[in-house]
PDB file of N, CA and C in Angstrom:
ATOM      1  N   LYS A   1     -44.484  27.948 -22.369  1.00  0.00           N
ATOM      2  CA  LYS A   1     -45.182  28.945 -23.337  1.00  0.00           C
ATOM      3  C   LYS A   1     -43.895  29.556 -24.122  1.00  0.00           C
ATOM      4  N   VAL A   2     -44.267  29.581 -25.379  1.00  0.00           N
ATOM      5  CA  VAL A   2     -43.212  30.111 -26.359  1.00  0.00           C
ATOM      6  C   VAL A   2     -42.914  31.575 -25.950  1.00  0.00           C
ATOM      7  N   SER A   3     -43.858  32.386 -25.538  1.00  0.00           N
ATOM      8  CA  SER A   3     -43.739  33.739 -25.125  1.00  0.00           C
ATOM      9  C   SER A   3     -42.685  33.946 -24.143  1.00  0.00           C
ATOM     10  N   ASN A   4     -42.522  32.922 -23.311  1.00  0.00           N
ATOM     11  CA  ASN A   4     -41.507  32.956 -22.314  1.00  0.00           C
ATOM     12  C   ASN A   4     -40.149  32.598 -22.701  1.00  0.00           C
ATOM     13  N   ALA A   5     -39.827  32.228 -24.015  1.00  0.00           N
ATOM     14  CA  ALA A   5     -38.649  31.695 -24.485  1.00  0.00           C
ATOM     15  C   ALA A   5     -37.494  32.906 -24.539  1.00  0.00           C
ATOM     16  N   ALA A   6     -36.313  32.924 -24.471  1.00  0.00           N
ATOM     17  CA  ALA A   6     -35.441  33.631 -24.754  1.00  0.00           C
ATOM     18  C   ALA A   6     -35.344  34.230 -26.201  1.00  0.00           C
ATOM     19  N   ASN A   7     -35.316  32.914 -26.970  1.00  0.00           N
ATOM     20  CA  ASN A   7     -35.231  33.147 -28.387  1.00  0.00           C
ATOM     21  C   ASN A   7     -36.140  32.041 -29.012  1.00  0.00           C
ATOM     22  N   VAL A   8     -36.697  32.355 -30.165  1.00  0.00           N
ATOM     23  CA  VAL A   8     -37.576  31.533 -30.986  1.00  0.00           C
ATOM     24  C   VAL A   8     -37.083  31.476 -32.400  1.00  0.00           C
ATOM     25  N   ILE A   9     -37.075  30.174 -32.935  1.00  0.00           N
ATOM     26  CA  ILE A   9     -36.855  29.835 -34.282  1.00  0.00           C
ATOM     27  C   ILE A   9     -38.277  29.403 -34.850  1.00  0.00           C
ATOM     28  N   PHE A  10     -38.682  30.200 -35.761  1.00  0.00           N
ATOM     29  CA  PHE A  10     -40.046  29.876 -36.489  1.00  0.00           C
ATOM     30  C   PHE A  10     -39.731  29.382 -37.894  1.00  0.00           C
ATOM     31  N   LEU A  11     -40.076  28.145 -38.042  1.00  0.00           N
ATOM     32  CA  LEU A  11     -39.970  27.445 -39.292  1.00  0.00           C
ATOM     33  C   LEU A  11     -41.215  27.777 -40.203  1.00  0.00           C
ATOM     34  N   LYS A  12     -40.854  28.212 -41.450  1.00  0.00           N
ATOM     35  CA  LYS A  12     -42.081  28.462 -42.152  1.00  0.00           C
ATOM     36  C   LYS A  12     -41.613  28.270 -43.746  1.00  0.00           C
ATOM     37  N   ARG A  13     -42.372  27.856 -44.619  1.00  0.00           N
ATOM     38  CA  ARG A  13     -42.082  27.612 -46.098  1.00  0.00           C
ATOM     39  C   ARG A  13     -42.121  28.980 -46.652  1.00  0.00           C
ATOM     40  N   SER A  14     -43.160  29.876 -46.384  1.00  0.00           N
ATOM     41  CA  SER A  14     -43.205  31.262 -46.945  1.00  0.00           C
ATOM     42  C   SER A  14     -43.804  32.226 -46.140  1.00  0.00           C
ATOM     43  N   MET A  15     -44.139  33.483 -46.551  1.00  0.00           N
ATOM     44  CA  MET A  15     -44.565  34.438 -45.797  1.00  0.00           C
ATOM     45  C   MET A  15     -45.973  34.416 -46.171  1.00  0.00           C
ATOM     46  N   ARG A  16     -46.606  33.456 -46.810  1.00  0.00           N
ATOM     47  CA  ARG A  16     -48.016  33.316 -47.149  1.00  0.00           C
ATOM     48  C   ARG A  16     -48.781  32.944 -45.804  1.00  0.00           C
ATOM     49  N   PRO A  17     -49.899  33.237 -45.401  1.00  0.00           N
ATOM     50  CA  PRO A  17     -50.739  32.860 -44.403  1.00  0.00           C
ATOM     51  C   PRO A  17     -50.850  31.332 -44.371  1.00  0.00           C
ATOM     52  N   GLY A  18     -51.082  30.669 -43.397  1.00  0.00           N
ATOM     53  CA  GLY A  18     -51.163  29.243 -43.206  1.00  0.00           C
ATOM     54  C   GLY A  18     -52.707  28.828 -43.702  1.00  0.00           C
ATOM     55  N   PHE A  19     -52.981  27.631 -43.478  1.00  0.00           N
ATOM     56  CA  PHE A  19     -54.360  26.949 -43.799  1.00  0.00           C
ATOM     57  C   PHE A  19     -55.368  27.677 -43.422  1.00  0.00           C
ATOM     58  N   ALA A  20     -55.296  28.070 -42.184  1.00  0.00           N
ATOM     59  CA  ALA A  20     -56.630  28.826 -41.500  1.00  0.00           C
ATOM     60  C   ALA A  20     -56.616  30.363 -41.928  1.00  0.00           C
ATOM     61  N   GLY A  21     -55.498  30.875 -42.562  1.00  0.00           N
ATOM     62  CA  GLY A  21     -55.365  32.184 -43.105  1.00  0.00           C
ATOM     63  C   GLY A  21     -55.263  33.169 -41.575  1.00  0.00           C
ATOM     64  N   ILE A  22     -54.845  32.591 -40.513  1.00  0.00           N
ATOM     65  CA  ILE A  22     -54.727  33.436 -39.347  1.00  0.00           C
ATOM     66  C   ILE A  22     -53.296  33.817 -39.229  1.00  0.00           C
ATOM     67  N   GLU A  23     -53.105  35.203 -38.943  1.00  0.00           N
ATOM     68  CA  GLU A  23     -51.529  35.743 -38.831  1.00  0.00           C
ATOM     69  C   GLU A  23     -51.161  35.378 -37.516  1.00  0.00           C
ATOM     70  N   ASN A  24     -49.845  34.892 -37.300  1.00  0.00           N
ATOM     71  CA  ASN A  24     -49.356  34.589 -36.112  1.00  0.00           C
ATOM     72  C   ASN A  24     -48.605  35.717 -35.541  1.00  0.00           C
ATOM     73  N   GLU A  25     -48.937  36.255 -34.446  1.00  0.00           N
ATOM     74  CA  GLU A  25     -48.321  37.409 -33.841  1.00  0.00           C
ATOM     75  C   GLU A  25     -46.827  37.127 -33.506  1.00  0.00           C
ATOM     76  N   LEU A  26     -46.459  35.862 -33.193  1.00  0.00           N
ATOM     77  CA  LEU A  26     -45.308  35.362 -32.941  1.00  0.00           C
ATOM     78  C   LEU A  26     -44.260  35.815 -33.930  1.00  0.00           C
ATOM     79  N   LEU A  27     -44.719  35.983 -35.156  1.00  0.00           N
ATOM     80  CA  LEU A  27     -43.892  36.323 -36.172  1.00  0.00           C
ATOM     81  C   LEU A  27     -43.216  37.862 -36.025  1.00  0.00           C
ATOM     82  N   TYR A  28     -43.998  38.689 -35.358  1.00  0.00           N
ATOM     83  CA  TYR A  28     -43.515  39.915 -35.197  1.00  0.00           C
ATOM     84  C   TYR A  28     -42.775  40.284 -33.805  1.00  0.00           C
ATOM     85  N   ASP A  29     -42.538  39.285 -33.048  1.00  0.00           N
ATOM     86  CA  ASP A  29     -41.923  39.269 -31.875  1.00  0.00           C
ATOM     87  C   ASP A  29     -40.352  39.530 -32.187  1.00  0.00           C
ATOM     88  N   PRO A  30     -39.803  40.490 -31.368  1.00  0.00           N
ATOM     89  CA  PRO A  30     -38.343  40.743 -31.825  1.00  0.00           C
ATOM     90  C   PRO A  30     -37.435  39.666 -31.418  1.00  0.00           C
ATOM     91  N   LYS A  31     -37.878  38.689 -30.598  1.00  0.00           N
ATOM     92  CA  LYS A  31     -37.080  37.563 -30.267  1.00  0.00           C
ATOM     93  C   LYS A  31     -37.077  36.551 -31.278  1.00  0.00           C
ATOM     94  N   THR A  32     -38.206  36.588 -32.183  1.00  0.00           N
ATOM     95  CA  THR A  32     -38.258  35.453 -33.154  1.00  0.00           C
ATOM     96  C   THR A  32     -37.258  35.686 -34.532  1.00  0.00           C
ATOM     97  N   MET A  33     -36.701  34.348 -34.746  1.00  0.00           N
ATOM     98  CA  MET A  33     -35.874  34.320 -36.041  1.00  0.00           C
ATOM     99  C   MET A  33     -36.645  33.475 -36.896  1.00  0.00           C
ATOM    100  N   LEU A  34     -36.860  34.030 -38.363  1.00  0.00           N
ATOM    101  CA  LEU A  34     -37.573  33.089 -39.221  1.00  0.00           C
ATOM    102  C   LEU A  34     -36.728  32.213 -40.017  1.00  0.00           C
ATOM    103  N   LEU A  35     -36.967  31.035 -40.216  1.00  0.00           N
ATOM    104  CA  LEU A  35     -36.140  30.250 -40.890  1.00  0.00           C
ATOM    105  C   LEU A  35     -36.901  29.456 -42.027  1.00  0.00           C
ATOM    106  N   PHE A  36     -36.570  29.811 -43.282  1.00  0.00           N
ATOM    107  CA  PHE A  36     -37.583  29.484 -44.401  1.00  0.00           C
ATOM    108  C   PHE A  36     -37.046  28.192 -45.023  1.00  0.00           C
ATOM    109  N   GLY A  37     -38.014  27.306 -45.337  1.00  0.00           N
ATOM    110  CA  GLY A  37     -37.701  26.063 -46.080  1.00  0.00           C
ATOM    111  C   GLY A  37     -38.469  24.865 -45.402  1.00  0.00           C
ATOM    112  N   ASP A  38     -38.049  23.757 -45.832  1.00  0.00           N
ATOM    113  CA  ASP A  38     -38.844  22.544 -45.476  1.00  0.00           C
ATOM    114  C   ASP A  38     -38.457  22.449 -43.894  1.00  0.00           C
ATOM    115  N   ALA A  39     -39.408  22.206 -43.104  1.00  0.00           N
ATOM    116  CA  ALA A  39     -39.170  21.957 -41.583  1.00  0.00           C
ATOM    117  C   ALA A  39     -38.291  21.011 -41.230  1.00  0.00           C
ATOM    118  N   LYS A  40     -38.348  19.914 -41.573  1.00  0.00           N
ATOM    119  CA  LYS A  40     -37.703  18.637 -41.265  1.00  0.00           C
ATOM    120  C   LYS A  40     -36.136  18.852 -41.552  1.00  0.00           C
ATOM    121  N   ALA A  41     -35.959  19.227 -42.933  1.00  0.00           N
ATOM    122  CA  ALA A  41     -34.710  19.624 -43.555  1.00  0.00           C
ATOM    123  C   ALA A  41     -34.056  20.492 -42.667  1.00  0.00           C
ATOM    124  N   SER A  42     -34.684  21.621 -42.633  1.00  0.00           N
ATOM    125  CA  SER A  42     -34.164  22.974 -41.902  1.00  0.00           C
ATOM    126  C   SER A  42     -33.753  22.494 -40.233  1.00  0.00           C
ATOM    127  N   LEU A  43     -34.737  21.969 -39.712  1.00  0.00           N
ATOM    128  CA  LEU A  43     -34.240  21.563 -38.383  1.00  0.00           C
ATOM    129  C   LEU A  43     -33.153  20.495 -38.165  1.00  0.00           C
ATOM    130  N   THR A  44     -32.986  19.740 -39.141  1.00  0.00           N
ATOM    131  CA  THR A  44     -31.861  18.614 -39.024  1.00  0.00           C
ATOM    132  C   THR A  44     -30.546  19.323 -39.279  1.00  0.00           C
ATOM    133  N   LYS A  45     -30.679  20.382 -40.140  1.00  0.00           N
ATOM    134  CA  LYS A  45     -29.353  21.280 -40.299  1.00  0.00           C
ATOM    135  C   LYS A  45     -29.034  22.067 -39.049  1.00  0.00           C
ATOM    136  N   VAL A  46     -29.901  22.725 -38.371  1.00  0.00           N
ATOM    137  CA  VAL A  46     -29.806  23.407 -37.231  1.00  0.00           C
ATOM    138  C   VAL A  46     -29.299  22.642 -36.064  1.00  0.00           C
ATOM    139  N   VAL A  47     -29.832  21.336 -35.792  1.00  0.00           N
ATOM    140  CA  VAL A  47     -29.555  20.332 -34.749  1.00  0.00           C
ATOM    141  C   VAL A  47     -28.004  19.792 -35.098  1.00  0.00           C
ATOM    142  N   SER A  48     -27.716  19.831 -36.369  1.00  0.00           N
ATOM    143  CA  SER A  48     -26.228  19.288 -36.583  1.00  0.00           C
ATOM    144  C   SER A  48     -25.189  20.512 -36.345  1.00  0.00           C
ATOM    145  N   ALA A  49     -25.669  21.643 -36.643  1.00  0.00           N
ATOM    146  CA  ALA A  49     -24.887  23.035 -36.571  1.00  0.00           C
ATOM    147  C   ALA A  49     -24.705  22.998 -34.861  1.00  0.00           C
ATOM    148  N   LEU A  50     -25.766  22.792 -34.242  1.00  0.00           N
ATOM    149  CA  LEU A  50     -25.602  23.189 -32.589  1.00  0.00           C
ATOM    150  C   LEU A  50     -24.902  21.985 -32.145  1.00  0.00           C
ATOM    151  N   LYS A  51     -24.850  20.596 -32.600  1.00  0.00           N
ATOM    152  CA  LYS A  51     -23.817  19.642 -32.161  1.00  0.00           C
ATOM    153  C   LYS A  51     -22.444  19.823 -32.408  1.00  0.00           C
ATOM    154  N   ALA A  52     -22.236  20.483 -33.402  1.00  0.00           N
ATOM    155  CA  ALA A  52     -20.878  20.817 -33.904  1.00  0.00           C
ATOM    156  C   ALA A  52     -20.316  22.001 -33.131  1.00  0.00           C
ATOM    157  N   LEU A  53     -21.041  22.710 -32.301  1.00  0.00           N
ATOM    158  CA  LEU A  53     -20.515  23.669 -31.498  1.00  0.00           C
ATOM    159  C   LEU A  53     -19.687  23.289 -30.109  1.00  0.00           C
TER     160      LEU A  53
END
Protein backbone atom coordinates (compact mmCIF):
# COMPACT_ATOMS: atom_id res chain seq x y z
CA LYS A 1 0.00 0.00 0.00
CA VAL A 2 1.17 3.49 -0.83
CA SER A 3 -0.01 4.70 2.57
CA ASN A 4 2.67 2.51 4.19
CA ALA A 5 5.53 4.04 2.17
CA ALA A 6 8.06 6.32 3.86
CA ASN A 7 8.03 8.73 0.90
CA VAL A 8 5.80 9.07 -2.14
CA ILE A 9 6.53 10.77 -5.47
CA PHE A 10 3.26 11.72 -7.16
CA LEU A 11 3.64 12.34 -10.90
CA LYS A 12 1.09 14.78 -12.28
CA ARG A 13 0.82 17.03 -15.33
CA SER A 14 -1.12 19.77 -13.52
CA MET A 15 -3.20 20.45 -10.41
CA ARG A 16 -6.42 19.95 -12.38
CA PRO A 17 -8.60 16.99 -11.36
CA GLY A 18 -8.13 13.78 -13.32
CA PHE A 19 -10.51 12.21 -15.83
CA ALA A 20 -12.92 11.01 -13.14
CA GLY A 21 -12.85 14.40 -11.39
CA ILE A 22 -12.10 12.73 -8.05
CA GLU A 23 -9.57 14.41 -5.75
CA ASN A 24 -6.81 12.07 -4.57
CA GLU A 25 -6.26 12.42 -0.82
CA LEU A 26 -2.69 11.18 -1.26
CA LEU A 27 -1.88 14.64 -2.66
CA TYR A 28 -2.35 16.10 0.83
CA ASP A 29 -0.25 13.52 2.69
CA PRO A 30 2.85 15.23 4.21
CA LYS A 31 5.15 12.49 2.89
CA THR A 32 3.98 13.04 -0.70
CA MET A 33 6.13 15.06 -3.10
CA LEU A 34 4.56 16.34 -6.31
CA LEU A 35 6.54 16.12 -9.53
CA PHE A 36 4.90 17.99 -12.39
CA GLY A 37 5.43 17.08 -16.03
CA ASP A 38 5.25 14.14 -18.40
CA ALA A 39 5.39 10.98 -16.26
CA LYS A 40 7.72 9.00 -18.54
CA ALA A 41 10.22 11.83 -19.00
CA SER A 42 10.09 12.80 -15.31
CA LEU A 43 10.55 9.24 -14.07
CA THR A 44 13.45 8.70 -16.48
CA LYS A 45 15.19 11.73 -14.95
CA VAL A 46 14.50 10.54 -11.38
CA VAL A 47 15.90 7.06 -12.12
CA SER A 48 19.01 8.56 -13.76
CA ALA A 49 19.58 10.84 -10.77
CA LEU A 50 19.22 7.95 -8.32
CA LYS A 51 21.63 5.78 -10.30
CA ALA A 52 24.19 8.61 -10.17
CA LEU A 53 24.19 8.58 -6.34
